[in-house]
């Protein structure tokens, strides 16, 4: 595990650290969830390089806001707690 200005710590590493400190199970997951992921321009530049592309400054700013908004919307779905009594739909019929 490397950390520094150009390296981030992933969720698995955080959970390992919390377990070493004595936090386990639900407590560790709750603590790890408090650190919401954030998208940076550097992350997007690296992703663009993987795809052999690049963004100019204006497009990078728009992409950064859009990706961060998507992450926040996905987090809302992840945080949704459904009761075990709710059954899955027997048929999926998308409206589109």
C-alpha atoms as a PDB file:
ATOM      1  CA  UNK A   1       0.000   0.000   0.000  1.00  0.00           C
ATOM      2  CA  UNK A   2       1.506   3.303  -1.136  1.00  0.00           C
ATOM      3  CA  UNK A   3       0.087   6.668  -0.321  1.00  0.00           C
ATOM      4  CA  UNK A   4       1.190  10.121  -1.254  1.00  0.00           C
ATOM      5  CA  UNK A   5       0.124  13.032  -3.385  1.00  0.00           C
ATOM      6  CA  UNK A   6      -0.248  10.844  -6.491  1.00  0.00           C
ATOM      7  CA  UNK A   7      -1.423   7.645  -4.783  1.00  0.00           C
ATOM      8  CA  UNK A   8      -4.707   7.020  -3.046  1.00  0.00           C
ATOM      9  CA  UNK A   9      -5.571   4.338  -0.544  1.00  0.00           C
ATOM     10  CA  UNK A  10      -8.235   1.927  -1.731  1.00  0.00           C
ATOM     11  CA  UNK A  11     -11.177   0.673   0.326  1.00  0.00           C
ATOM     12  CA  UNK A  12      -9.576  -2.709   0.943  1.00  0.00           C
ATOM     13  CA  UNK A  13      -6.483  -1.097   2.438  1.00  0.00           C
ATOM     14  CA  UNK A  14      -8.624   1.097   4.684  1.00  0.00           C
ATOM     15  CA  UNK A  15     -10.467  -1.977   5.955  1.00  0.00           C
ATOM     16  CA  UNK A  16      -7.144  -3.750   6.620  1.00  0.00           C
ATOM     17  CA  UNK A  17      -5.916  -0.754   8.610  1.00  0.00           C
ATOM     18  CA  UNK A  18      -9.155  -0.549  10.594  1.00  0.00           C
ATOM     19  CA  UNK A  19      -8.995  -4.279  11.345  1.00  0.00           C
ATOM     20  CA  UNK A  20      -5.407  -3.874  12.582  1.00  0.00           C
ATOM     21  CA  UNK A  21      -6.623  -1.100  14.900  1.00  0.00           C
ATOM     22  CA  UNK A  22      -9.314  -3.376  16.323  1.00  0.00           C
ATOM     23  CA  UNK A  23     -12.322  -2.194  14.346  1.00  0.00           C
ATOM     24  CA  UNK A  24     -14.118  -5.065  12.715  1.00  0.00           C
ATOM     25  CA  UNK A  25     -17.304  -5.949  10.915  1.00  0.00           C
ATOM     26  CA  UNK A  26     -20.017  -3.302  10.692  1.00  0.00           C
ATOM     27  CA  UNK A  27     -17.972  -0.691  12.573  1.00  0.00           C
ATOM     28  CA  UNK A  28     -15.142  -0.882  10.034  1.00  0.00           C
ATOM     29  CA  UNK A  29     -17.541  -0.709   7.095  1.00  0.00           C
ATOM     30  CA  UNK A  30     -19.293   2.315   8.625  1.00  0.00           C
ATOM     31  CA  UNK A  31     -15.985   4.105   9.181  1.00  0.00           C
ATOM     32  CA  UNK A  32     -14.785   3.316   5.664  1.00  0.00           C
ATOM     33  CA  UNK A  33     -18.081   4.563   4.206  1.00  0.00           C
ATOM     34  CA  UNK A  34     -17.560   7.980   5.781  1.00  0.00           C
ATOM     35  CA  UNK A  35     -14.735   8.654   3.332  1.00  0.00           C
ATOM     36  CA  UNK A  36     -16.748   9.321   0.188  1.00  0.00           C
ATOM     37  CA  UNK A  37     -14.857   8.960  -3.076  1.00  0.00           C
ATOM     38  CA  UNK A  38     -14.008  12.143  -4.903  1.00  0.00           C
ATOM     39  CA  UNK A  39     -13.019  12.556  -8.515  1.00  0.00           C
ATOM     40  CA  UNK A  40     -10.062  14.756  -9.342  1.00  0.00           C
ATOM     41  CA  UNK A  41      -8.812  16.159 -12.608  1.00  0.00           C
ATOM     42  CA  UNK A  42      -5.679  14.023 -12.204  1.00  0.00           C
ATOM     43  CA  UNK A  43      -7.796  10.858 -11.989  1.00  0.00           C
ATOM     44  CA  UNK A  44      -9.681  11.793 -15.141  1.00  0.00           C
ATOM     45  CA  UNK A  45      -6.428  12.593 -16.986  1.00  0.00           C
ATOM     46  CA  UNK A  46      -5.069   9.151 -16.069  1.00  0.00           C
ATOM     47  CA  UNK A  47      -8.294   7.485 -17.220  1.00  0.00           C
ATOM     48  CA  UNK A  48      -8.131   9.394 -20.511  1.00  0.00           C
ATOM     49  CA  UNK A  49      -4.544   8.240 -21.023  1.00  0.00           C
ATOM     50  CA  UNK A  50      -5.664   4.631 -20.601  1.00  0.00           C
ATOM     51  CA  UNK A  51      -8.118   5.201 -23.434  1.00  0.00           C
ATOM     52  CA  UNK A  52      -5.515   7.002 -25.581  1.00  0.00           C
ATOM     53  CA  UNK A  53      -7.406  10.264 -25.315  1.00  0.00           C
ATOM     54  CA  UNK A  54      -7.166  13.638 -23.666  1.00  0.00           C
ATOM     55  CA  UNK A  55      -9.362  16.506 -22.515  1.00  0.00           C
ATOM     56  CA  UNK A  56      -8.794  20.232 -22.716  1.00  0.00           C
ATOM     57  CA  UNK A  57      -9.354  22.340 -19.587  1.00  0.00           C
ATOM     58  CA  UNK A  58     -13.002  23.189 -20.248  1.00  0.00           C
ATOM     59  CA  UNK A  59     -14.000  19.599 -21.027  1.00  0.00           C
ATOM     60  CA  UNK A  60     -12.043  18.369 -17.994  1.00  0.00           C
ATOM     61  CA  UNK A  61     -14.021  20.694 -15.690  1.00  0.00           C
ATOM     62  CA  UNK A  62     -17.343  19.523 -17.160  1.00  0.00           C
ATOM     63  CA  UNK A  63     -16.321  15.859 -16.967  1.00  0.00           C
ATOM     64  CA  UNK A  64     -15.123  16.232 -13.374  1.00  0.00           C
ATOM     65  CA  UNK A  65     -18.470  17.695 -12.256  1.00  0.00           C
ATOM     66  CA  UNK A  66     -20.457  15.083 -14.204  1.00  0.00           C
ATOM     67  CA  UNK A  67     -18.503  12.109 -12.864  1.00  0.00           C
ATOM     68  CA  UNK A  68     -18.694  13.426  -9.291  1.00  0.00           C
ATOM     69  CA  UNK A  69     -22.475  13.893  -9.668  1.00  0.00           C
ATOM     70  CA  UNK A  70     -22.781  10.318 -10.975  1.00  0.00           C
ATOM     71  CA  UNK A  71     -20.778   8.987  -8.019  1.00  0.00           C
ATOM     72  CA  UNK A  72     -23.072  10.817  -5.616  1.00  0.00           C
ATOM     73  CA  UNK A  73     -26.161   9.420  -7.344  1.00  0.00           C
ATOM     74  CA  UNK A  74     -24.742   5.888  -7.249  1.00  0.00           C
ATOM     75  CA  UNK A  75     -23.992   6.350  -3.535  1.00  0.00           C
ATOM     76  CA  UNK A  76     -27.667   7.190  -2.927  1.00  0.00           C
ATOM     77  CA  UNK A  77     -28.618   3.838  -4.465  1.00  0.00           C
ATOM     78  CA  UNK A  78     -25.937   2.031  -2.436  1.00  0.00           C
ATOM     79  CA  UNK A  79     -27.207   3.617   0.787  1.00  0.00           C
ATOM     80  CA  UNK A  80     -30.787   2.527   0.101  1.00  0.00           C
ATOM     81  CA  UNK A  81     -31.809  -0.150   2.564  1.00  0.00           C
ATOM     82  CA  UNK A  82     -34.535  -2.515   1.451  1.00  0.00           C
ATOM     83  CA  UNK A  83     -36.365  -4.739   3.874  1.00  0.00           C
ATOM     84  CA  UNK A  84     -35.859  -8.466   3.380  1.00  0.00           C
ATOM     85  CA  UNK A  85     -39.626  -8.847   2.987  1.00  0.00           C
ATOM     86  CA  UNK A  86     -39.497  -7.008  -0.355  1.00  0.00           C
ATOM     87  CA  UNK A  87     -39.399  -9.585  -3.107  1.00  0.00           C
ATOM     88  CA  UNK A  88     -37.674  -9.056  -6.437  1.00  0.00           C
ATOM     89  CA  UNK A  89     -39.926  -8.379  -9.395  1.00  0.00           C
ATOM     90  CA  UNK A  90     -40.955 -11.580 -11.171  1.00  0.00           C
ATOM     91  CA  UNK A  91     -40.865  -9.783 -14.548  1.00  0.00           C
ATOM     92  CA  UNK A  92     -38.663  -6.909 -15.642  1.00  0.00           C
ATOM     93  CA  UNK A  93     -40.296  -4.674 -18.243  1.00  0.00           C
ATOM     94  CA  UNK A  94     -38.268  -1.503 -18.830  1.00  0.00           C
ATOM     95  CA  UNK A  95     -40.242   1.527 -19.926  1.00  0.00           C
ATOM     96  CA  UNK A  96     -37.719   2.638 -22.559  1.00  0.00           C
END
